[in-house]
Amino acid sequence: MRWTDTYEIVDALQEAHPDVDPMTVRFTDLMEWVLALPGFDDTRERCGERILEAIQMTWIDEQ
């Protein structure tokens, strides 16, 4: 899984953090959570605010 695999990331985040409201997650925490996901294989340096925003928005939409 890489930063551009938004839907896979969101599925994994929903499983790992089922009781979290994605509207309340700080981008710094979101980045750490994604980096810690099993099967995630990308670098911190390839991530930016736009990617984190896309992940957060998708997570909100998928609720």
N, C-alpha and C. Protein backbone atom coordinates (compact mmCIF):
# COMPACT_ATOMS: atom_id res chain seq x y z
N MET A 1 0.85 -1.16 0.00
CA MET A 1 0.00 0.00 0.00
C MET A 1 0.91 1.24 0.00
N ARG A 2 0.51 2.23 -0.80
CA ARG A 2 1.27 3.48 -0.91
C ARG A 2 0.34 4.66 -0.63
N TRP A 3 0.90 5.86 -0.52
CA TRP A 3 0.12 7.05 -0.20
C TRP A 3 -1.04 7.27 -1.17
N THR A 4 -0.89 6.86 -2.41
CA THR A 4 -1.92 7.09 -3.41
C THR A 4 -3.05 6.06 -3.35
N ASP A 5 -2.93 5.05 -2.52
CA ASP A 5 -3.97 4.02 -2.37
C ASP A 5 -4.99 4.45 -1.32
N THR A 6 -5.64 5.55 -1.59
CA THR A 6 -6.51 6.20 -0.61
C THR A 6 -7.58 5.28 -0.05
N TYR A 7 -8.29 4.57 -0.91
CA TYR A 7 -9.39 3.74 -0.43
C TYR A 7 -8.89 2.56 0.41
N GLU A 8 -7.77 1.97 0.03
CA GLU A 8 -7.19 0.89 0.83
C GLU A 8 -6.75 1.41 2.20
N ILE A 9 -6.15 2.59 2.20
CA ILE A 9 -5.72 3.21 3.45
C ILE A 9 -6.91 3.46 4.36
N VAL A 10 -7.97 4.02 3.79
CA VAL A 10 -9.16 4.32 4.58
C VAL A 10 -9.79 3.05 5.13
N ASP A 11 -9.85 2.00 4.34
CA ASP A 11 -10.39 0.73 4.84
C ASP A 11 -9.57 0.23 6.03
N ALA A 12 -8.26 0.31 5.91
CA ALA A 12 -7.39 -0.14 6.99
C ALA A 12 -7.52 0.75 8.22
N LEU A 13 -7.65 2.06 8.02
CA LEU A 13 -7.83 2.97 9.15
C LEU A 13 -9.15 2.73 9.87
N GLN A 14 -10.20 2.48 9.12
CA GLN A 14 -11.49 2.19 9.73
C GLN A 14 -11.43 0.93 10.58
N GLU A 15 -10.67 -0.03 10.12
CA GLU A 15 -10.52 -1.28 10.89
C GLU A 15 -9.65 -1.06 12.13
N ALA A 16 -8.58 -0.28 11.97
CA ALA A 16 -7.65 -0.06 13.08
C ALA A 16 -8.19 0.93 14.12
N HIS A 17 -9.04 1.86 13.68
CA HIS A 17 -9.53 2.92 14.57
C HIS A 17 -11.04 3.09 14.36
N PRO A 18 -11.82 2.07 14.71
CA PRO A 18 -13.26 2.09 14.40
C PRO A 18 -14.07 3.16 15.13
N ASP A 19 -13.61 3.61 16.27
CA ASP A 19 -14.39 4.56 17.06
C ASP A 19 -13.93 6.01 16.90
N VAL A 20 -13.05 6.25 15.93
CA VAL A 20 -12.50 7.59 15.75
C VAL A 20 -13.34 8.37 14.74
N ASP A 21 -13.61 9.62 15.08
CA ASP A 21 -14.25 10.54 14.13
C ASP A 21 -13.13 11.17 13.30
N PRO A 22 -13.08 10.88 12.00
CA PRO A 22 -11.98 11.39 11.18
C PRO A 22 -11.91 12.91 11.13
N MET A 23 -13.00 13.58 11.46
CA MET A 23 -12.98 15.06 11.48
C MET A 23 -12.11 15.58 12.62
N THR A 24 -11.85 14.75 13.63
CA THR A 24 -11.09 15.21 14.79
C THR A 24 -9.61 14.80 14.75
N VAL A 25 -9.21 14.10 13.71
CA VAL A 25 -7.83 13.59 13.63
C VAL A 25 -6.90 14.67 13.07
N ARG A 26 -5.83 14.93 13.79
CA ARG A 26 -4.81 15.87 13.32
C ARG A 26 -3.99 15.18 12.23
N PHE A 27 -3.51 15.95 11.28
CA PHE A 27 -2.73 15.39 10.18
C PHE A 27 -1.46 14.70 10.68
N THR A 28 -0.86 15.21 11.74
CA THR A 28 0.35 14.57 12.28
C THR A 28 0.03 13.17 12.78
N ASP A 29 -1.12 13.02 13.45
CA ASP A 29 -1.54 11.70 13.92
C ASP A 29 -1.93 10.80 12.75
N LEU A 30 -2.64 11.37 11.79
CA LEU A 30 -3.06 10.59 10.63
C LEU A 30 -1.85 10.02 9.89
N MET A 31 -0.83 10.82 9.72
CA MET A 31 0.37 10.34 9.04
C MET A 31 0.99 9.17 9.80
N GLU A 32 1.10 9.30 11.11
CA GLU A 32 1.68 8.22 11.92
C GLU A 32 0.83 6.96 11.84
N TRP A 33 -0.49 7.11 11.87
CA TRP A 33 -1.38 5.96 11.79
C TRP A 33 -1.22 5.24 10.46
N VAL A 34 -1.13 6.00 9.38
CA VAL A 34 -0.96 5.39 8.06
C VAL A 34 0.38 4.68 7.97
N LEU A 35 1.43 5.33 8.43
CA LEU A 35 2.76 4.70 8.39
C LEU A 35 2.80 3.40 9.18
N ALA A 36 1.97 3.29 10.22
CA ALA A 36 1.95 2.10 11.07
C ALA A 36 1.04 0.98 10.54
N LEU A 37 0.30 1.24 9.48
CA LEU A 37 -0.63 0.22 8.97
C LEU A 37 0.14 -0.99 8.42
N PRO A 38 -0.35 -2.19 8.71
CA PRO A 38 0.27 -3.38 8.12
C PRO A 38 0.15 -3.33 6.59
N GLY A 39 1.23 -3.60 5.93
CA GLY A 39 1.22 -3.60 4.48
C GLY A 39 1.49 -2.25 3.85
N PHE A 40 1.65 -1.20 4.67
CA PHE A 40 1.97 0.11 4.11
C PHE A 40 3.45 0.16 3.82
N ASP A 41 3.78 0.53 2.58
CA ASP A 41 5.18 0.49 2.14
C ASP A 41 5.51 1.75 1.33
N ASP A 42 5.55 2.86 2.01
CA ASP A 42 5.92 4.11 1.36
C ASP A 42 6.67 4.95 2.40
N THR A 43 7.22 6.06 1.98
CA THR A 43 8.03 6.86 2.90
C THR A 43 7.28 8.09 3.38
N ARG A 44 7.67 8.56 4.52
CA ARG A 44 7.11 9.78 5.11
C ARG A 44 7.32 10.97 4.16
N GLU A 45 8.44 11.00 3.49
CA GLU A 45 8.79 12.12 2.63
C GLU A 45 7.87 12.27 1.42
N ARG A 46 7.22 11.21 1.02
CA ARG A 46 6.32 11.26 -0.14
C ARG A 46 4.93 11.75 0.22
N CYS A 47 4.71 12.04 1.47
CA CYS A 47 3.39 12.49 1.94
C CYS A 47 3.39 13.99 2.14
N GLY A 48 2.25 14.59 1.82
CA GLY A 48 2.07 16.01 2.05
C GLY A 48 0.66 16.29 2.53
N GLU A 49 0.39 17.55 2.76
CA GLU A 49 -0.91 17.94 3.29
C GLU A 49 -2.05 17.55 2.34
N ARG A 50 -1.83 17.65 1.05
CA ARG A 50 -2.88 17.30 0.09
C ARG A 50 -3.24 15.82 0.16
N ILE A 51 -2.25 14.98 0.33
CA ILE A 51 -2.51 13.54 0.44
C ILE A 51 -3.27 13.24 1.72
N LEU A 52 -2.84 13.82 2.82
CA LEU A 52 -3.52 13.61 4.10
C LEU A 52 -4.96 14.13 4.06
N GLU A 53 -5.14 15.26 3.40
CA GLU A 53 -6.49 15.81 3.26
C GLU A 53 -7.37 14.87 2.43
N ALA A 54 -6.82 14.31 1.36
CA ALA A 54 -7.58 13.37 0.53
C ALA A 54 -7.97 12.12 1.33
N ILE A 55 -7.04 11.63 2.14
CA ILE A 55 -7.33 10.46 2.97
C ILE A 55 -8.43 10.80 3.97
N GLN A 56 -8.31 11.95 4.63
CA GLN A 56 -9.29 12.35 5.63
C GLN A 56 -10.68 12.53 4.99
N MET A 57 -10.74 13.19 3.84
CA MET A 57 -12.02 13.42 3.18
C MET A 57 -12.67 12.10 2.74
N THR A 58 -11.86 11.19 2.25
CA THR A 58 -12.37 9.88 1.85
C THR A 58 -12.89 9.12 3.07
N TRP A 59 -12.16 9.20 4.17
CA TRP A 59 -12.57 8.54 5.41
C TRP A 59 -13.91 9.10 5.87
N ILE A 60 -14.07 10.41 5.80
CA ILE A 60 -15.33 11.04 6.19
C ILE A 60 -16.45 10.57 5.27
N ASP A 61 -16.21 10.53 3.98
CA ASP A 61 -17.21 10.10 3.01
C ASP A 61 -17.61 8.64 3.18
N GLU A 62 -16.68 7.81 3.64
CA GLU A 62 -16.92 6.38 3.76
C GLU A 62 -17.63 5.99 5.06
N GLN A 63 -17.85 6.93 5.94
CA GLN A 63 -18.52 6.63 7.22
C GLN A 63 -19.97 6.31 7.00
